[in-house]
Amino acid sequence: MRRPRRNHSPAFKAKVALAAIEGTATLAELAQRFDVHPNQITEWRRQLVANAADAFGGEADRAEPAIDVKALHAKIGQQALELDFLAHALGRDRGPSGKR
């Protein structure tokens, strides 16, 4: 009979992966001690090593991209011209302040 699927917490996964990286015990011993499959321990260890750089400043890489202010000002200017053109075409003259 198969046992139901288990969801392990990130803290548990980190603990197991760190134990695997230490190398003081074999995968079989770790699997028995933590009651998980050796392949799962290998996968968690691989993920920990691959994402280790994020622990030391990975947040800076995920920052929002810089906003191109010139492009936004150009778009606002373009839309202002279009509004003026459409207002003139409809016979509603807009003054210099943009109000009617």
N, C-alpha and C. Protein backbone atom coordinates (compact mmCIF):
# COMPACT_ATOMS: atom_id res chain seq x y z
N MET A 1 0.84 -1.17 0.00
CA MET A 1 0.00 0.00 0.00
C MET A 1 0.89 1.24 0.00
N ARG A 2 0.52 2.22 -0.81
CA ARG A 2 1.29 3.45 -0.89
C ARG A 2 0.91 4.39 0.23
N ARG A 3 1.88 5.10 0.72
CA ARG A 3 1.58 6.09 1.76
C ARG A 3 1.12 7.37 1.07
N PRO A 4 0.29 8.16 1.72
CA PRO A 4 -0.21 9.39 1.09
C PRO A 4 0.94 10.38 0.85
N ARG A 5 0.73 11.22 -0.13
CA ARG A 5 1.73 12.22 -0.51
C ARG A 5 1.95 13.19 0.65
N ARG A 6 3.23 13.46 0.93
CA ARG A 6 3.57 14.36 2.02
C ARG A 6 4.14 15.65 1.46
N ASN A 7 3.82 16.75 2.11
CA ASN A 7 4.38 18.04 1.76
C ASN A 7 5.32 18.48 2.88
N HIS A 8 6.58 18.65 2.52
CA HIS A 8 7.57 19.03 3.52
C HIS A 8 7.76 20.54 3.51
N SER A 9 7.99 21.09 4.68
CA SER A 9 8.20 22.54 4.80
C SER A 9 9.57 22.91 4.23
N PRO A 10 9.72 24.16 3.80
CA PRO A 10 11.03 24.61 3.31
C PRO A 10 12.13 24.48 4.37
N ALA A 11 11.78 24.68 5.63
CA ALA A 11 12.78 24.54 6.70
C ALA A 11 13.27 23.10 6.80
N PHE A 12 12.36 22.14 6.67
CA PHE A 12 12.74 20.73 6.73
C PHE A 12 13.64 20.37 5.55
N LYS A 13 13.26 20.86 4.36
CA LYS A 13 14.06 20.58 3.16
C LYS A 13 15.47 21.14 3.31
N ALA A 14 15.57 22.36 3.85
CA ALA A 14 16.88 22.97 4.03
C ALA A 14 17.72 22.18 5.03
N LYS A 15 17.08 21.74 6.10
CA LYS A 15 17.78 20.96 7.12
C LYS A 15 18.35 19.66 6.53
N VAL A 16 17.54 18.97 5.74
CA VAL A 16 17.97 17.72 5.13
C VAL A 16 19.08 17.97 4.11
N ALA A 17 18.91 19.01 3.29
CA ALA A 17 19.91 19.33 2.27
C ALA A 17 21.24 19.72 2.90
N LEU A 18 21.19 20.50 3.97
CA LEU A 18 22.43 20.87 4.66
C LEU A 18 23.12 19.65 5.26
N ALA A 19 22.34 18.73 5.80
CA ALA A 19 22.92 17.50 6.33
C ALA A 19 23.59 16.70 5.21
N ALA A 20 23.00 16.72 4.03
CA ALA A 20 23.58 16.00 2.89
C ALA A 20 24.87 16.68 2.43
N ILE A 21 24.89 18.01 2.48
CA ILE A 21 26.10 18.73 2.06
C ILE A 21 27.24 18.51 3.04
N GLU A 22 26.92 18.41 4.33
CA GLU A 22 27.95 18.18 5.34
C GLU A 22 28.74 16.91 5.05
N GLY A 23 28.07 15.89 4.57
CA GLY A 23 28.76 14.66 4.19
C GLY A 23 29.16 13.78 5.35
N THR A 24 28.64 14.02 6.53
CA THR A 24 28.98 13.17 7.69
C THR A 24 28.23 11.85 7.68
N ALA A 25 27.18 11.77 6.88
CA ALA A 25 26.39 10.53 6.79
C ALA A 25 26.12 10.24 5.32
N THR A 26 25.89 8.98 5.01
CA THR A 26 25.57 8.59 3.64
C THR A 26 24.13 8.96 3.32
N LEU A 27 23.81 8.94 2.04
CA LEU A 27 22.44 9.23 1.63
C LEU A 27 21.47 8.22 2.23
N ALA A 28 21.87 6.98 2.29
CA ALA A 28 21.00 5.94 2.87
C ALA A 28 20.73 6.21 4.34
N GLU A 29 21.76 6.64 5.06
CA GLU A 29 21.57 6.95 6.48
C GLU A 29 20.66 8.16 6.66
N LEU A 30 20.89 9.17 5.85
CA LEU A 30 20.03 10.37 5.92
C LEU A 30 18.60 10.03 5.56
N ALA A 31 18.42 9.20 4.54
CA ALA A 31 17.07 8.82 4.12
C ALA A 31 16.34 8.10 5.24
N GLN A 32 17.04 7.25 5.93
CA GLN A 32 16.42 6.53 7.05
C GLN A 32 16.14 7.47 8.22
N ARG A 33 17.08 8.37 8.51
CA ARG A 33 16.91 9.28 9.65
C ARG A 33 15.77 10.27 9.43
N PHE A 34 15.65 10.78 8.20
CA PHE A 34 14.62 11.78 7.92
C PHE A 34 13.36 11.20 7.28
N ASP A 35 13.37 9.91 6.99
CA ASP A 35 12.23 9.21 6.40
C ASP A 35 11.81 9.82 5.05
N VAL A 36 12.81 10.02 4.19
CA VAL A 36 12.55 10.46 2.81
C VAL A 36 13.43 9.62 1.88
N HIS A 37 13.07 9.63 0.61
CA HIS A 37 13.81 8.84 -0.37
C HIS A 37 15.17 9.48 -0.67
N PRO A 38 16.20 8.68 -0.88
CA PRO A 38 17.53 9.25 -1.20
C PRO A 38 17.54 10.16 -2.42
N ASN A 39 16.72 9.82 -3.42
CA ASN A 39 16.65 10.69 -4.61
C ASN A 39 16.10 12.06 -4.24
N GLN A 40 15.18 12.11 -3.30
CA GLN A 40 14.61 13.39 -2.87
C GLN A 40 15.67 14.22 -2.16
N ILE A 41 16.50 13.58 -1.36
CA ILE A 41 17.58 14.29 -0.68
C ILE A 41 18.56 14.86 -1.70
N THR A 42 18.89 14.07 -2.71
CA THR A 42 19.80 14.53 -3.76
C THR A 42 19.21 15.74 -4.48
N GLU A 43 17.92 15.72 -4.76
CA GLU A 43 17.27 16.84 -5.45
C GLU A 43 17.28 18.10 -4.58
N TRP A 44 16.97 17.95 -3.31
CA TRP A 44 16.98 19.12 -2.42
C TRP A 44 18.38 19.70 -2.28
N ARG A 45 19.38 18.83 -2.22
CA ARG A 45 20.77 19.29 -2.13
C ARG A 45 21.14 20.06 -3.40
N ARG A 46 20.74 19.54 -4.56
CA ARG A 46 21.02 20.21 -5.83
C ARG A 46 20.36 21.58 -5.87
N GLN A 47 19.10 21.68 -5.42
CA GLN A 47 18.40 22.96 -5.39
C GLN A 47 19.06 23.95 -4.45
N LEU A 48 19.52 23.46 -3.30
CA LEU A 48 20.17 24.35 -2.33
C LEU A 48 21.46 24.92 -2.91
N VAL A 49 22.25 24.08 -3.54
CA VAL A 49 23.51 24.53 -4.13
C VAL A 49 23.24 25.50 -5.28
N ALA A 50 22.23 25.21 -6.10
CA ALA A 50 21.93 26.07 -7.25
C ALA A 50 21.42 27.44 -6.84
N ASN A 51 20.73 27.52 -5.71
CA ASN A 51 20.13 28.79 -5.27
C ASN A 51 20.87 29.42 -4.10
N ALA A 52 22.07 28.97 -3.83
CA ALA A 52 22.82 29.50 -2.69
C ALA A 52 23.16 30.97 -2.87
N ALA A 53 23.40 31.42 -4.09
CA ALA A 53 23.76 32.82 -4.33
C ALA A 53 22.63 33.76 -3.93
N ASP A 54 21.38 33.31 -4.00
CA ASP A 54 20.25 34.15 -3.62
C ASP A 54 20.26 34.49 -2.14
N ALA A 55 20.91 33.68 -1.33
CA ALA A 55 20.97 33.94 0.10
C ALA A 55 21.86 35.14 0.42
N PHE A 56 22.73 35.50 -0.52
CA PHE A 56 23.67 36.59 -0.30
C PHE A 56 23.43 37.75 -1.26
N GLY A 57 22.19 38.22 -1.32
CA GLY A 57 21.91 39.40 -2.13
C GLY A 57 21.14 39.12 -3.39
N GLY A 58 20.42 38.04 -3.46
CA GLY A 58 19.64 37.73 -4.65
C GLY A 58 18.47 38.67 -4.84
N GLU A 59 18.08 39.40 -3.78
CA GLU A 59 16.94 40.32 -3.88
C GLU A 59 17.24 41.48 -4.82
N ALA A 60 18.49 41.92 -4.88
CA ALA A 60 18.84 43.05 -5.74
C ALA A 60 18.62 42.71 -7.21
N ASP A 61 18.80 41.45 -7.56
CA ASP A 61 18.59 41.04 -8.95
C ASP A 61 17.12 41.05 -9.34
N ARG A 62 16.23 40.95 -8.36
CA ARG A 62 14.80 40.88 -8.63
C ARG A 62 14.12 42.24 -8.58
N ALA A 63 14.90 43.31 -8.48
CA ALA A 63 14.33 44.66 -8.37
C ALA A 63 13.54 45.01 -9.63
N GLU A 64 12.63 45.93 -9.45
CA GLU A 64 11.81 46.38 -10.58
C GLU A 64 12.71 47.02 -11.64
N PRO A 65 12.38 46.84 -12.92
CA PRO A 65 13.18 47.48 -13.96
C PRO A 65 13.04 49.00 -13.89
N ALA A 66 14.06 49.70 -14.33
CA ALA A 66 14.04 51.16 -14.30
C ALA A 66 12.96 51.69 -15.24
N ILE A 67 12.32 52.77 -14.83
CA ILE A 67 11.26 53.37 -15.63
C ILE A 67 11.88 54.38 -16.59
N ASP A 68 11.51 54.29 -17.85
CA ASP A 68 12.02 55.22 -18.86
C ASP A 68 11.14 56.46 -18.85
N VAL A 69 11.59 57.50 -18.13
CA VAL A 69 10.80 58.71 -17.95
C VAL A 69 10.63 59.45 -19.27
N LYS A 70 11.66 59.46 -20.11
CA LYS A 70 11.57 60.17 -21.40
C LYS A 70 10.46 59.57 -22.27
N ALA A 71 10.37 58.24 -22.28
CA ALA A 71 9.34 57.59 -23.08
C ALA A 71 7.95 57.92 -22.54
N LEU A 72 7.81 57.99 -21.22
CA LEU A 72 6.51 58.33 -20.64
C LEU A 72 6.12 59.77 -20.96
N HIS A 73 7.08 60.70 -20.88
CA HIS A 73 6.80 62.10 -21.22
C HIS A 73 6.43 62.23 -22.69
N ALA A 74 7.09 61.47 -23.54
CA ALA A 74 6.76 61.50 -24.97
C ALA A 74 5.34 60.99 -25.21
N LYS A 75 4.97 59.93 -24.50
CA LYS A 75 3.61 59.39 -24.65
C LYS A 75 2.57 60.39 -24.17
N ILE A 76 2.85 61.08 -23.04
CA ILE A 76 1.91 62.08 -22.53
C ILE A 76 1.75 63.22 -23.54
N GLY A 77 2.87 63.66 -24.10
CA GLY A 77 2.81 64.72 -25.11
C GLY A 77 2.02 64.31 -26.34
N GLN A 78 2.23 63.08 -26.78
CA GLN A 78 1.50 62.56 -27.94
C GLN A 78 0.00 62.53 -27.66
N GLN A 79 -0.38 62.08 -26.49
CA GLN A 79 -1.80 62.00 -26.15
C GLN A 79 -2.40 63.39 -26.00
N ALA A 80 -1.64 64.35 -25.49
CA ALA A 80 -2.14 65.72 -25.38
C ALA A 80 -2.41 66.29 -26.77
N LEU A 81 -1.50 66.03 -27.71
CA LEU A 81 -1.71 66.51 -29.08
C LEU A 81 -2.94 65.86 -29.70
N GLU A 82 -3.11 64.58 -29.46
CA GLU A 82 -4.28 63.89 -30.01
C GLU A 82 -5.58 64.45 -29.43
N LEU A 83 -5.57 64.73 -28.13
CA LEU A 83 -6.76 65.33 -27.51
C LEU A 83 -7.07 66.70 -28.09
N ASP A 84 -6.03 67.51 -28.27
CA ASP A 84 -6.23 68.83 -28.86
C ASP A 84 -6.77 68.71 -30.28
N PHE A 85 -6.21 67.77 -31.06
CA PHE A 85 -6.67 67.59 -32.44
C PHE A 85 -8.13 67.16 -32.47
N LEU A 86 -8.47 66.18 -31.63
CA LEU A 86 -9.85 65.69 -31.62
C LEU A 86 -10.82 66.76 -31.11
N ALA A 87 -10.41 67.51 -30.11
CA ALA A 87 -11.27 68.58 -29.60
C ALA A 87 -11.49 69.63 -30.68
N HIS A 88 -10.46 69.97 -31.43
CA HIS A 88 -10.59 70.95 -32.51
C HIS A 88 -11.49 70.39 -33.63
N ALA A 89 -11.31 69.10 -33.92
CA ALA A 89 -12.11 68.48 -34.98
C ALA A 89 -13.59 68.43 -34.59
N LEU A 90 -13.88 68.31 -33.32
CA LEU A 90 -15.27 68.27 -32.86
C LEU A 90 -15.84 69.66 -32.60
N GLY A 91 -15.00 70.68 -32.79
CA GLY A 91 -15.47 72.04 -32.60
C GLY A 91 -15.40 72.50 -31.17
N ARG A 92 -14.74 71.76 -30.35
CA ARG A 92 -14.56 72.18 -28.96
C ARG A 92 -13.11 72.62 -28.79
N ASP A 93 -12.92 73.89 -28.73
CA ASP A 93 -11.56 74.41 -28.66
C ASP A 93 -11.05 74.33 -27.24
N ARG A 94 -9.93 73.73 -27.08
CA ARG A 94 -9.28 73.65 -25.76
C ARG A 94 -8.24 74.75 -25.69
N GLY A 95 -8.22 75.41 -24.58
CA GLY A 95 -7.26 76.50 -24.39
C GLY A 95 -5.89 75.96 -24.05
N PRO A 96 -4.92 76.87 -23.77
CA PRO A 96 -3.54 76.43 -23.47
C PRO A 96 -3.45 75.63 -22.17
N SER A 97 -4.38 75.83 -21.26
CA SER A 97 -4.31 75.09 -20.00
C SER A 97 -4.88 73.69 -20.16
N GLY A 98 -5.45 73.39 -21.29
CA GLY A 98 -6.02 72.08 -21.51
C GLY A 98 -7.46 72.00 -21.12
N LYS A 99 -8.03 73.09 -20.60
CA LYS A 99 -9.42 73.09 -20.19
C LYS A 99 -10.24 73.83 -21.23
N ARG A 100 -11.47 73.57 -21.26
CA ARG A 100 -12.37 74.17 -22.23
C ARG A 100 -12.81 75.52 -21.86
